[in-house]
């Protein structure tokens, strides 16, 4: 158990107790009344404390916090969650945000996104947990949907917005099999 006491407010928080869930929205309050919204995409247990991995919903940047506090006890700068009516984002939207944030990091470090060309289709590694398929997929849209894919008309690929399908990485082999048959 790890306890942290916030100066001036005198409140003590147990950082080993999980207070946020994946896909939950938190608000960061900063200097000059600035306010930014984040979504939790992963909760990491480090034994004596928890680390909440966040994505800024507007800027698509990664950050983390170990001390989210309830909004009902707001005092100063920090990350706050709504403890009365928690707000959540759809898991698929969080997956897309994560992909866009990872793409942004890759673009900043100038590393290419691993991708495979199969016939008329491109399979791109979209995030840690997702693959994207680009190309003229209209003739096989029913098969892609049956595999669990979700169509999105505004994915980011090679720095441009393109239509494509998002899949869980667990579907990679079935997806490759489908695309090599077509």
C-alpha atoms as a PDB file:
ATOM      1  CA  UNK A   1       0.000   0.000   0.000  1.00  0.00           C
ATOM      2  CA  UNK A   2       1.285   3.424  -0.961  1.00  0.00           C
ATOM      3  CA  UNK A   3      -0.232   6.630   0.367  1.00  0.00           C
ATOM      4  CA  UNK A   4       0.342  10.138  -0.927  1.00  0.00           C
ATOM      5  CA  UNK A   5      -0.630  13.328   0.878  1.00  0.00           C
ATOM      6  CA  UNK A   6      -1.283  16.390  -1.294  1.00  0.00           C
ATOM      7  CA  UNK A   7       0.263  19.546   0.095  1.00  0.00           C
ATOM      8  CA  UNK A   8      -2.038  22.423   1.101  1.00  0.00           C
ATOM      9  CA  UNK A   9      -5.235  20.361   0.767  1.00  0.00           C
ATOM     10  CA  UNK A  10      -4.073  17.828   3.356  1.00  0.00           C
ATOM     11  CA  UNK A  11      -5.904  14.996   1.564  1.00  0.00           C
ATOM     12  CA  UNK A  12      -4.333  11.528   1.567  1.00  0.00           C
ATOM     13  CA  UNK A  13      -4.805   9.102  -1.338  1.00  0.00           C
ATOM     14  CA  UNK A  14      -3.997   5.399  -1.598  1.00  0.00           C
ATOM     15  CA  UNK A  15      -2.239   4.985  -4.975  1.00  0.00           C
ATOM     16  CA  UNK A  16      -2.460   1.190  -4.824  1.00  0.00           C
ATOM     17  CA  UNK A  17      -6.268   1.311  -5.006  1.00  0.00           C
ATOM     18  CA  UNK A  18      -7.662   1.385  -8.548  1.00  0.00           C
ATOM     19  CA  UNK A  19      -9.986   4.364  -9.016  1.00  0.00           C
ATOM     20  CA  UNK A  20     -10.068   4.540 -12.838  1.00  0.00           C
ATOM     21  CA  UNK A  21     -11.004   2.004 -15.495  1.00  0.00           C
ATOM     22  CA  UNK A  22      -9.878   1.660 -19.079  1.00  0.00           C
ATOM     23  CA  UNK A  23     -11.819   3.941 -21.459  1.00  0.00           C
ATOM     24  CA  UNK A  24     -12.718   6.328 -18.605  1.00  0.00           C
ATOM     25  CA  UNK A  25     -12.390  10.054 -19.273  1.00  0.00           C
ATOM     26  CA  UNK A  26     -10.427  12.285 -16.909  1.00  0.00           C
ATOM     27  CA  UNK A  27      -9.842  16.039 -16.959  1.00  0.00           C
ATOM     28  CA  UNK A  28      -6.492  17.693 -16.465  1.00  0.00           C
ATOM     29  CA  UNK A  29      -6.573  21.131 -14.889  1.00  0.00           C
ATOM     30  CA  UNK A  30      -3.460  23.226 -15.423  1.00  0.00           C
ATOM     31  CA  UNK A  31      -2.127  26.731 -15.056  1.00  0.00           C
ATOM     32  CA  UNK A  32      -4.361  29.665 -15.936  1.00  0.00           C
ATOM     33  CA  UNK A  33      -7.556  27.602 -15.769  1.00  0.00           C
ATOM     34  CA  UNK A  34      -6.482  25.456 -18.740  1.00  0.00           C
ATOM     35  CA  UNK A  35      -8.486  22.267 -19.030  1.00  0.00           C
ATOM     36  CA  UNK A  36      -7.760  19.197 -21.175  1.00  0.00           C
ATOM     37  CA  UNK A  37      -9.592  15.903 -21.507  1.00  0.00           C
ATOM     38  CA  UNK A  38      -7.847  12.534 -21.475  1.00  0.00           C
ATOM     39  CA  UNK A  39      -8.946   8.926 -21.804  1.00  0.00           C
ATOM     40  CA  UNK A  40      -7.409   5.987 -19.918  1.00  0.00           C
ATOM     41  CA  UNK A  41      -6.183   3.366 -22.394  1.00  0.00           C
ATOM     42  CA  UNK A  42      -4.249   1.152 -19.976  1.00  0.00           C
ATOM     43  CA  UNK A  43      -3.916   0.611 -16.230  1.00  0.00           C
ATOM     44  CA  UNK A  44      -0.523  -0.720 -15.144  1.00  0.00           C
ATOM     45  CA  UNK A  45      -0.042  -2.350 -11.746  1.00  0.00           C
ATOM     46  CA  UNK A  46       3.461  -1.771 -10.393  1.00  0.00           C
ATOM     47  CA  UNK A  47       2.961  -3.701  -7.179  1.00  0.00           C
ATOM     48  CA  UNK A  48       2.744  -0.901  -4.655  1.00  0.00           C
ATOM     49  CA  UNK A  49       1.047   1.621  -6.970  1.00  0.00           C
ATOM     50  CA  UNK A  50      -0.957   1.949 -10.177  1.00  0.00           C
ATOM     51  CA  UNK A  51       0.014   3.936 -13.257  1.00  0.00           C
ATOM     52  CA  UNK A  52      -2.784   5.177 -15.522  1.00  0.00           C
ATOM     53  CA  UNK A  53      -1.724   5.572 -19.148  1.00  0.00           C
ATOM     54  CA  UNK A  54      -3.677   8.356 -20.864  1.00  0.00           C
ATOM     55  CA  UNK A  55      -4.215   9.863 -24.314  1.00  0.00           C
ATOM     56  CA  UNK A  56      -5.048  13.535 -24.737  1.00  0.00           C
ATOM     57  CA  UNK A  57      -8.304  13.494 -26.720  1.00  0.00           C
ATOM     58  CA  UNK A  58      -7.496  16.717 -28.617  1.00  0.00           C
ATOM     59  CA  UNK A  59      -3.726  16.564 -29.241  1.00  0.00           C
ATOM     60  CA  UNK A  60      -3.417  12.741 -29.485  1.00  0.00           C
ATOM     61  CA  UNK A  61      -0.426  12.726 -27.133  1.00  0.00           C
ATOM     62  CA  UNK A  62       0.439  10.100 -24.537  1.00  0.00           C
ATOM     63  CA  UNK A  63       0.862  10.902 -20.859  1.00  0.00           C
ATOM     64  CA  UNK A  64       0.439   9.118 -17.539  1.00  0.00           C
ATOM     65  CA  UNK A  65      -0.545   9.775 -13.971  1.00  0.00           C
ATOM     66  CA  UNK A  66      -0.317   7.907 -10.716  1.00  0.00           C
ATOM     67  CA  UNK A  67      -2.525  10.259  -8.706  1.00  0.00           C
ATOM     68  CA  UNK A  68      -5.939  10.904 -10.252  1.00  0.00           C
ATOM     69  CA  UNK A  69      -8.207  12.638  -7.771  1.00  0.00           C
ATOM     70  CA  UNK A  70     -11.999  12.838  -7.520  1.00  0.00           C
ATOM     71  CA  UNK A  71     -13.565  15.945  -9.035  1.00  0.00           C
ATOM     72  CA  UNK A  72     -15.707  16.386  -5.926  1.00  0.00           C
ATOM     73  CA  UNK A  73     -12.458  17.087  -4.008  1.00  0.00           C
ATOM     74  CA  UNK A  74     -10.904  19.379  -6.658  1.00  0.00           C
ATOM     75  CA  UNK A  75      -8.110  21.510  -5.288  1.00  0.00           C
ATOM     76  CA  UNK A  76      -5.581  23.031  -7.678  1.00  0.00           C
ATOM     77  CA  UNK A  77      -3.738  21.599 -10.630  1.00  0.00           C
ATOM     78  CA  UNK A  78      -3.953  17.895 -11.426  1.00  0.00           C
ATOM     79  CA  UNK A  79      -5.850  15.038 -13.051  1.00  0.00           C
ATOM     80  CA  UNK A  80      -9.445  14.659 -11.890  1.00  0.00           C
ATOM     81  CA  UNK A  81     -12.103  12.046 -12.587  1.00  0.00           C
ATOM     82  CA  UNK A  82     -15.829  12.528 -12.175  1.00  0.00           C
ATOM     83  CA  UNK A  83     -16.606  10.357  -9.153  1.00  0.00           C
ATOM     84  CA  UNK A  84     -20.358  11.056  -9.216  1.00  0.00           C
ATOM     85  CA  UNK A  85     -21.161  10.361 -12.893  1.00  0.00           C
ATOM     86  CA  UNK A  86     -18.107   8.786 -14.539  1.00  0.00           C
ATOM     87  CA  UNK A  87     -17.809   9.323 -18.275  1.00  0.00           C
ATOM     88  CA  UNK A  88     -16.525   6.613 -20.615  1.00  0.00           C
ATOM     89  CA  UNK A  89     -15.499   6.497 -24.247  1.00  0.00           C
ATOM     90  CA  UNK A  90     -16.329   3.624 -26.602  1.00  0.00           C
ATOM     91  CA  UNK A  91     -13.507   1.030 -26.633  1.00  0.00           C
ATOM     92  CA  UNK A  92     -13.282   1.205 -30.426  1.00  0.00           C
ATOM     93  CA  UNK A  93     -12.832   4.996 -30.314  1.00  0.00           C
ATOM     94  CA  UNK A  94     -10.073   4.578 -27.718  1.00  0.00           C
ATOM     95  CA  UNK A  95      -8.378   2.043 -29.987  1.00  0.00           C
ATOM     96  CA  UNK A  96      -8.498   4.560 -32.852  1.00  0.00           C
ATOM     97  CA  UNK A  97      -7.138   7.336 -30.614  1.00  0.00           C
ATOM     98  CA  UNK A  98      -4.319   5.065 -29.532  1.00  0.00           C
ATOM     99  CA  UNK A  99      -3.506   4.288 -33.151  1.00  0.00           C
ATOM    100  CA  UNK A 100      -3.451   7.973 -34.055  1.00  0.00           C
ATOM    101  CA  UNK A 101      -1.269   8.793 -31.039  1.00  0.00           C
ATOM    102  CA  UNK A 102       1.179   6.002 -31.894  1.00  0.00           C
ATOM    103  CA  UNK A 103       1.229   7.148 -35.510  1.00  0.00           C
ATOM    104  CA  UNK A 104       2.031  10.671 -34.311  1.00  0.00           C
ATOM    105  CA  UNK A 105       4.930   9.336 -32.218  1.00  0.00           C
ATOM    106  CA  UNK A 106       6.216   7.330 -35.201  1.00  0.00           C
ATOM    107  CA  UNK A 107       5.975  10.369 -37.479  1.00  0.00           C
ATOM    108  CA  UNK A 108       7.943  12.423 -34.969  1.00  0.00           C
ATOM    109  CA  UNK A 109      10.689   9.793 -34.759  1.00  0.00           C
ATOM    110  CA  UNK A 110      10.608   9.258 -38.560  1.00  0.00           C
ATOM    111  CA  UNK A 111      10.129   5.502 -38.410  1.00  0.00           C
ATOM    112  CA  UNK A 112       8.040   3.829 -41.073  1.00  0.00           C
ATOM    113  CA  UNK A 113       4.845   1.968 -40.187  1.00  0.00           C
ATOM    114  CA  UNK A 114       5.316  -1.749 -40.895  1.00  0.00           C
ATOM    115  CA  UNK A 115       2.929  -2.771 -43.627  1.00  0.00           C
ATOM    116  CA  UNK A 116       2.317  -5.593 -46.043  1.00  0.00           C
ATOM    117  CA  UNK A 117       0.933  -5.365 -49.544  1.00  0.00           C
ATOM    118  CA  UNK A 118      -1.312  -8.306 -50.414  1.00  0.00           C
ATOM    119  CA  UNK A 119      -2.717  -8.045 -53.921  1.00  0.00           C
ATOM    120  CA  UNK A 120      -4.640  -4.748 -54.059  1.00  0.00           C
ATOM    121  CA  UNK A 121      -4.700  -4.352 -50.260  1.00  0.00           C
ATOM    122  CA  UNK A 122      -2.336  -2.858 -47.690  1.00  0.00           C
ATOM    123  CA  UNK A 123      -2.282  -4.293 -44.161  1.00  0.00           C
ATOM    124  CA  UNK A 124      -0.766  -1.716 -41.816  1.00  0.00           C
ATOM    125  CA  UNK A 125       0.245  -2.094 -38.178  1.00  0.00           C
ATOM    126  CA  UNK A 126      -2.082   0.621 -36.808  1.00  0.00           C
ATOM    127  CA  UNK A 127      -1.417   0.378 -33.046  1.00  0.00           C
ATOM    128  CA  UNK A 128      -0.226  -2.076 -30.403  1.00  0.00           C
ATOM    129  CA  UNK A 129      -3.566  -3.866 -30.580  1.00  0.00           C
ATOM    130  CA  UNK A 130      -4.903  -3.088 -34.062  1.00  0.00           C
ATOM    131  CA  UNK A 131      -4.300  -3.644 -37.753  1.00  0.00           C
ATOM    132  CA  UNK A 132      -5.746  -1.550 -40.557  1.00  0.00           C
ATOM    133  CA  UNK A 133      -6.619  -2.636 -44.096  1.00  0.00           C
ATOM    134  CA  UNK A 134      -6.552  -0.090 -46.907  1.00  0.00           C
ATOM    135  CA  UNK A 135      -7.454  -0.438 -50.569  1.00  0.00           C
ATOM    136  CA  UNK A 136     -10.583  -1.077 -52.622  1.00  0.00           C
ATOM    137  CA  UNK A 137     -12.368  -3.284 -50.094  1.00  0.00           C
ATOM    138  CA  UNK A 138     -15.917  -2.716 -51.323  1.00  0.00           C
ATOM    139  CA  UNK A 139     -16.168  -6.142 -53.073  1.00  0.00           C
ATOM    140  CA  UNK A 140     -15.234  -7.982 -49.836  1.00  0.00           C
ATOM    141  CA  UNK A 141     -16.843  -5.704 -47.231  1.00  0.00           C
ATOM    142  CA  UNK A 142     -19.183  -8.461 -45.995  1.00  0.00           C
ATOM    143  CA  UNK A 143     -16.282 -10.863 -45.414  1.00  0.00           C
ATOM    144  CA  UNK A 144     -14.300  -8.152 -43.618  1.00  0.00           C
ATOM    145  CA  UNK A 145     -17.283  -7.373 -41.404  1.00  0.00           C
ATOM    146  CA  UNK A 146     -17.752 -11.089 -40.662  1.00  0.00           C
ATOM    147  CA  UNK A 147     -14.114 -11.230 -39.475  1.00  0.00           C
ATOM    148  CA  UNK A 148     -14.919  -8.543 -36.899  1.00  0.00           C
ATOM    149  CA  UNK A 149     -13.603  -5.529 -38.787  1.00  0.00           C
ATOM    150  CA  UNK A 150     -15.010  -2.047 -38.368  1.00  0.00           C
ATOM    151  CA  UNK A 151     -15.017   0.383 -41.268  1.00  0.00           C
ATOM    152  CA  UNK A 152     -13.778   3.914 -40.625  1.00  0.00           C
ATOM    153  CA  UNK A 153     -13.773   6.524 -43.404  1.00  0.00           C
ATOM    154  CA  UNK A 154     -11.101   8.688 -41.724  1.00  0.00           C
ATOM    155  CA  UNK A 155      -8.147   6.612 -40.608  1.00  0.00           C
ATOM    156  CA  UNK A 156      -4.655   8.085 -40.832  1.00  0.00           C
ATOM    157  CA  UNK A 157      -2.276   6.303 -43.220  1.00  0.00           C
ATOM    158  CA  UNK A 158       1.015   7.739 -44.493  1.00  0.00           C
ATOM    159  CA  UNK A 159       0.068  11.124 -43.051  1.00  0.00           C
ATOM    160  CA  UNK A 160      -3.254  11.300 -44.913  1.00  0.00           C
ATOM    161  CA  UNK A 161      -6.844  10.563 -43.977  1.00  0.00           C
ATOM    162  CA  UNK A 162      -8.030   7.419 -45.778  1.00  0.00           C
ATOM    163  CA  UNK A 163     -10.912   5.021 -45.524  1.00  0.00           C
ATOM    164  CA  UNK A 164     -10.054   1.613 -44.118  1.00  0.00           C
ATOM    165  CA  UNK A 165     -10.968  -1.251 -41.831  1.00  0.00           C
ATOM    166  CA  UNK A 166      -9.711  -1.762 -38.262  1.00  0.00           C
ATOM    167  CA  UNK A 167      -9.105  -5.256 -36.871  1.00  0.00           C
ATOM    168  CA  UNK A 168      -7.778  -6.687 -33.654  1.00  0.00           C
ATOM    169  CA  UNK A 169      -4.283  -8.131 -34.086  1.00  0.00           C
ATOM    170  CA  UNK A 170      -5.676 -11.496 -33.005  1.00  0.00           C
ATOM    171  CA  UNK A 171      -7.412 -11.641 -36.428  1.00  0.00           C
ATOM    172  CA  UNK A 172      -4.193 -11.104 -38.406  1.00  0.00           C
ATOM    173  CA  UNK A 173      -3.786 -14.633 -39.800  1.00  0.00           C
ATOM    174  CA  UNK A 174      -7.448 -14.976 -40.797  1.00  0.00           C
ATOM    175  CA  UNK A 175      -7.257 -11.540 -42.404  1.00  0.00           C
ATOM    176  CA  UNK A 176      -4.132 -12.444 -44.384  1.00  0.00           C
ATOM    177  CA  UNK A 177      -5.776 -15.684 -45.506  1.00  0.00           C
ATOM    178  CA  UNK A 178      -8.871 -13.805 -46.689  1.00  0.00           C
ATOM    179  CA  UNK A 179      -6.906 -11.159 -48.565  1.00  0.00           C
ATOM    180  CA  UNK A 180      -4.603 -13.620 -50.345  1.00  0.00           C
ATOM    181  CA  UNK A 181      -7.630 -15.622 -51.573  1.00  0.00           C
ATOM    182  CA  UNK A 182      -9.325 -12.551 -53.072  1.00  0.00           C
END
